Amino acid sequence: MIVITLWDTGVSNLLAMNTSAFTAGASWLHVLASWNTNFTVGNKLHHLYVNNVSDKVVSVDSAGAGGTRVDATNWATGARTDGTLKLDGCAAEIYFAIDQFLDFSDAANRAKFILNGKPVDLGAGGSLPTGTAPIVYFSVRPGDAATAFATNRGTGGNFSITGSLDLASTSPSD
């Protein structure tokens, strides 16, 4: 199950959604999620797509309109900030753009990221989908070492590697 939980600036659960049909497997998955929490209870905009198909169950939408908390000192991907709960899998690209909401119910917006079941090149700095570079964009480009994944190609800072990274034997573009 893929779970996305958003907290507001007062550290209350603002919105939580998860997949319902996704089951773990040995194949690549393309996951898109977007949200706009500036609406009242039950009216927030949120999308969760797996392999270009909507797969969203909202488990929490009980707080009023508000911004999501993005002021944490430490950020992580593939594990918690303390290095626990590590991802047992592969990630090809991670893109996170604060204040750049895209309505993924619109197929044209999804096509900025996935086309014919394959990932779309987001550009060297990840700015192609919206015209603005995201704060976080991790990607291993052809010829890169696995450690290049920790280099943030977006506008935020680089991440540190806890453990080791390896290149996958396949690619989502295969």
Protein backbone atom coordinates (compact mmCIF):
# COMPACT_ATOMS: atom_id res chain seq x y z
CA MET A 1 0.00 0.00 0.00
CA ILE A 2 1.23 3.49 -0.78
CA VAL A 3 0.32 6.00 1.94
CA ILE A 4 0.56 9.80 1.81
CA THR A 5 -0.06 11.73 5.01
CA LEU A 6 -0.03 15.52 5.15
CA TRP A 7 0.27 17.53 8.34
CA ASP A 8 -0.73 21.16 8.75
CA THR A 9 1.46 23.82 10.32
CA GLY A 10 -0.17 23.11 13.70
CA VAL A 11 0.95 19.46 13.46
CA SER A 12 -2.55 18.10 12.94
CA ASN A 13 -3.31 15.48 10.32
CA LEU A 14 -4.65 17.52 7.40
CA LEU A 15 -5.11 14.85 4.76
CA ALA A 16 -4.25 11.19 4.40
CA MET A 17 -4.78 9.02 1.36
CA ASN A 18 -3.62 5.60 0.25
CA THR A 19 -3.91 3.17 -2.61
CA SER A 20 -6.52 0.43 -2.61
CA ALA A 21 -5.69 -1.78 -5.59
CA PHE A 22 -1.89 -1.63 -5.56
CA THR A 23 -0.12 -4.80 -4.55
CA ALA A 24 3.62 -5.18 -4.20
CA GLY A 25 5.34 -6.93 -7.07
CA ALA A 26 8.54 -7.21 -9.01
CA SER A 27 7.64 -4.68 -11.70
CA TRP A 28 8.13 -0.92 -11.87
CA LEU A 29 5.25 1.30 -10.76
CA HIS A 30 4.66 4.89 -11.77
CA VAL A 31 3.11 6.83 -8.89
CA LEU A 32 1.68 10.35 -9.19
CA ALA A 33 0.15 12.26 -6.29
CA SER A 34 -1.00 15.86 -6.00
CA TRP A 35 -3.01 17.85 -3.51
CA ASN A 36 -4.36 21.28 -2.77
CA THR A 37 -5.38 21.64 0.86
CA ASN A 38 -6.68 25.21 0.64
CA PHE A 39 -10.29 24.04 0.81
CA THR A 40 -12.72 23.11 3.58
CA VAL A 41 -13.22 19.65 5.06
CA GLY A 42 -14.21 17.17 2.36
CA ASN A 43 -13.47 19.61 -0.46
CA LYS A 44 -9.67 19.40 -0.71
CA LEU A 45 -8.30 18.49 -4.13
CA HIS A 46 -6.21 15.31 -4.10
CA HIS A 47 -5.14 12.70 -6.60
CA LEU A 48 -3.22 9.44 -6.42
CA TYR A 49 -2.48 7.52 -9.60
CA VAL A 50 -0.59 4.25 -10.01
CA ASN A 51 0.45 3.36 -13.56
CA ASN A 52 -1.80 6.15 -14.90
CA VAL A 53 -4.93 4.79 -13.15
CA SER A 54 -6.64 6.55 -10.24
CA ASP A 55 -6.25 4.50 -7.07
CA LYS A 56 -7.11 6.64 -4.06
CA VAL A 57 -8.81 6.07 -0.75
CA VAL A 58 -9.01 9.11 1.52
CA SER A 59 -8.72 8.08 5.15
CA VAL A 60 -8.45 11.58 6.69
CA ASP A 61 -9.89 14.89 5.51
CA SER A 62 -11.09 16.28 8.80
CA ALA A 63 -9.11 19.50 9.18
CA GLY A 64 -10.11 22.82 7.72
CA ALA A 65 -8.32 24.53 4.87
CA GLY A 66 -4.64 25.08 5.43
CA GLY A 67 -1.14 24.76 4.15
CA THR A 68 0.84 21.60 4.57
CA ARG A 69 3.81 21.53 6.88
CA VAL A 70 7.01 21.73 4.85
CA ASP A 71 9.30 23.41 7.38
CA ALA A 72 11.02 20.31 8.71
CA THR A 73 14.76 20.61 9.21
CA ASN A 74 15.45 17.07 8.00
CA TRP A 75 13.92 15.41 4.95
CA ALA A 76 14.25 11.87 3.69
CA THR A 77 13.24 9.65 0.86
CA GLY A 78 13.38 5.86 0.86
CA ALA A 79 13.56 5.75 4.67
CA ARG A 80 12.76 7.82 7.73
CA THR A 81 15.15 10.63 8.64
CA ASP A 82 16.70 8.40 11.31
CA GLY A 83 17.53 5.77 8.67
CA THR A 84 14.87 3.27 9.75
CA LEU A 85 12.07 1.74 7.64
CA LYS A 86 14.19 1.64 4.50
CA LEU A 87 12.57 1.10 1.13
CA ASP A 88 13.01 -2.46 -0.07
CA GLY A 89 12.83 -1.69 -3.75
CA CYS A 90 14.04 0.61 -6.47
CA ALA A 91 13.25 4.23 -7.25
CA ALA A 92 14.01 5.79 -10.62
CA GLU A 93 12.93 9.38 -10.02
CA ILE A 94 11.44 11.40 -7.19
CA TYR A 95 9.86 14.78 -7.91
CA PHE A 96 8.36 17.03 -5.21
CA ALA A 97 7.16 20.53 -6.08
CA ILE A 98 5.73 22.71 -3.32
CA ASP A 99 3.02 25.15 -4.48
CA GLN A 100 2.91 23.69 -8.00
CA PHE A 101 -0.41 21.83 -7.90
CA LEU A 102 -1.26 19.82 -10.99
CA ASP A 103 -4.72 18.33 -11.39
CA PHE A 104 -3.88 14.73 -12.25
CA SER A 105 -7.51 13.96 -13.09
CA ASP A 106 -6.59 15.78 -16.34
CA ALA A 107 -4.85 13.27 -18.65
CA ALA A 108 -2.77 16.07 -20.20
CA ASN A 109 -1.23 16.81 -16.80
CA ARG A 110 -0.45 13.14 -16.21
CA ALA A 111 1.14 12.99 -19.69
CA LYS A 112 3.77 15.45 -18.45
CA PHE A 113 5.07 12.56 -16.31
CA ILE A 114 3.93 9.31 -17.96
CA LEU A 115 3.19 8.50 -21.60
CA ASN A 116 2.41 5.07 -23.06
CA GLY A 117 3.24 3.51 -19.69
CA LYS A 118 6.77 4.96 -19.60
CA PRO A 119 8.19 7.89 -17.60
CA VAL A 120 8.63 11.18 -19.43
CA ASP A 121 11.96 13.03 -19.29
CA LEU A 122 11.39 15.89 -16.83
CA GLY A 123 14.50 17.78 -17.94
CA ALA A 124 17.87 18.10 -16.25
CA GLY A 125 16.42 20.14 -13.35
CA GLY A 126 12.86 18.76 -13.44
CA SER A 127 11.30 21.98 -14.74
CA LEU A 128 9.64 20.63 -17.90
CA PRO A 129 6.25 19.68 -16.37
CA THR A 130 5.44 23.14 -14.93
CA GLY A 131 8.15 25.49 -16.20
CA THR A 132 9.53 25.82 -12.67
CA ALA A 133 12.10 23.53 -11.08
CA PRO A 134 10.74 21.55 -8.10
CA ILE A 135 12.36 21.81 -4.68
CA VAL A 136 13.27 18.09 -4.85
CA TYR A 137 14.16 16.16 -7.98
CA PHE A 138 16.21 12.97 -7.77
CA SER A 139 17.12 11.18 -10.96
CA VAL A 140 19.93 8.94 -12.14
CA ARG A 141 20.64 9.98 -15.72
CA PRO A 142 22.21 7.61 -18.28
CA GLY A 143 25.85 7.03 -17.41
CA ASP A 144 25.48 8.25 -13.81
CA ALA A 145 26.68 6.25 -10.81
CA ALA A 146 24.03 5.11 -8.32
CA THR A 147 25.23 7.74 -5.82
CA ALA A 148 24.12 10.49 -8.24
CA PHE A 149 20.61 9.81 -6.96
CA ALA A 150 21.43 11.78 -3.77
CA THR A 151 22.20 14.89 -5.83
CA ASN A 152 19.13 17.07 -5.75
CA ARG A 153 18.62 18.38 -9.29
CA GLY A 154 15.84 20.63 -7.97
CA THR A 155 16.22 23.89 -6.05
CA GLY A 156 16.66 22.36 -2.56
CA GLY A 157 19.79 20.90 -1.05
CA ASN A 158 21.36 17.50 -1.61
CA PHE A 159 20.48 14.54 0.56
CA SER A 160 22.93 12.26 2.38
CA ILE A 161 23.03 8.55 1.71
CA THR A 162 22.45 6.18 4.64
CA GLY A 163 23.60 2.75 3.55
CA SER A 164 24.41 2.10 -0.07
CA LEU A 165 22.74 2.60 -3.42
CA ASP A 166 22.91 0.31 -6.42
CA LEU A 167 21.62 0.68 -9.95
CA ALA A 168 18.65 -1.54 -10.74
CA SER A 169 19.06 -4.30 -13.30
CA THR A 170 16.09 -2.91 -15.22
CA SER A 171 14.67 0.53 -15.91
CA PRO A 172 11.07 1.81 -15.97
CA SER A 173 11.86 3.02 -19.49
CA ASP A 174 12.69 -0.51 -20.77
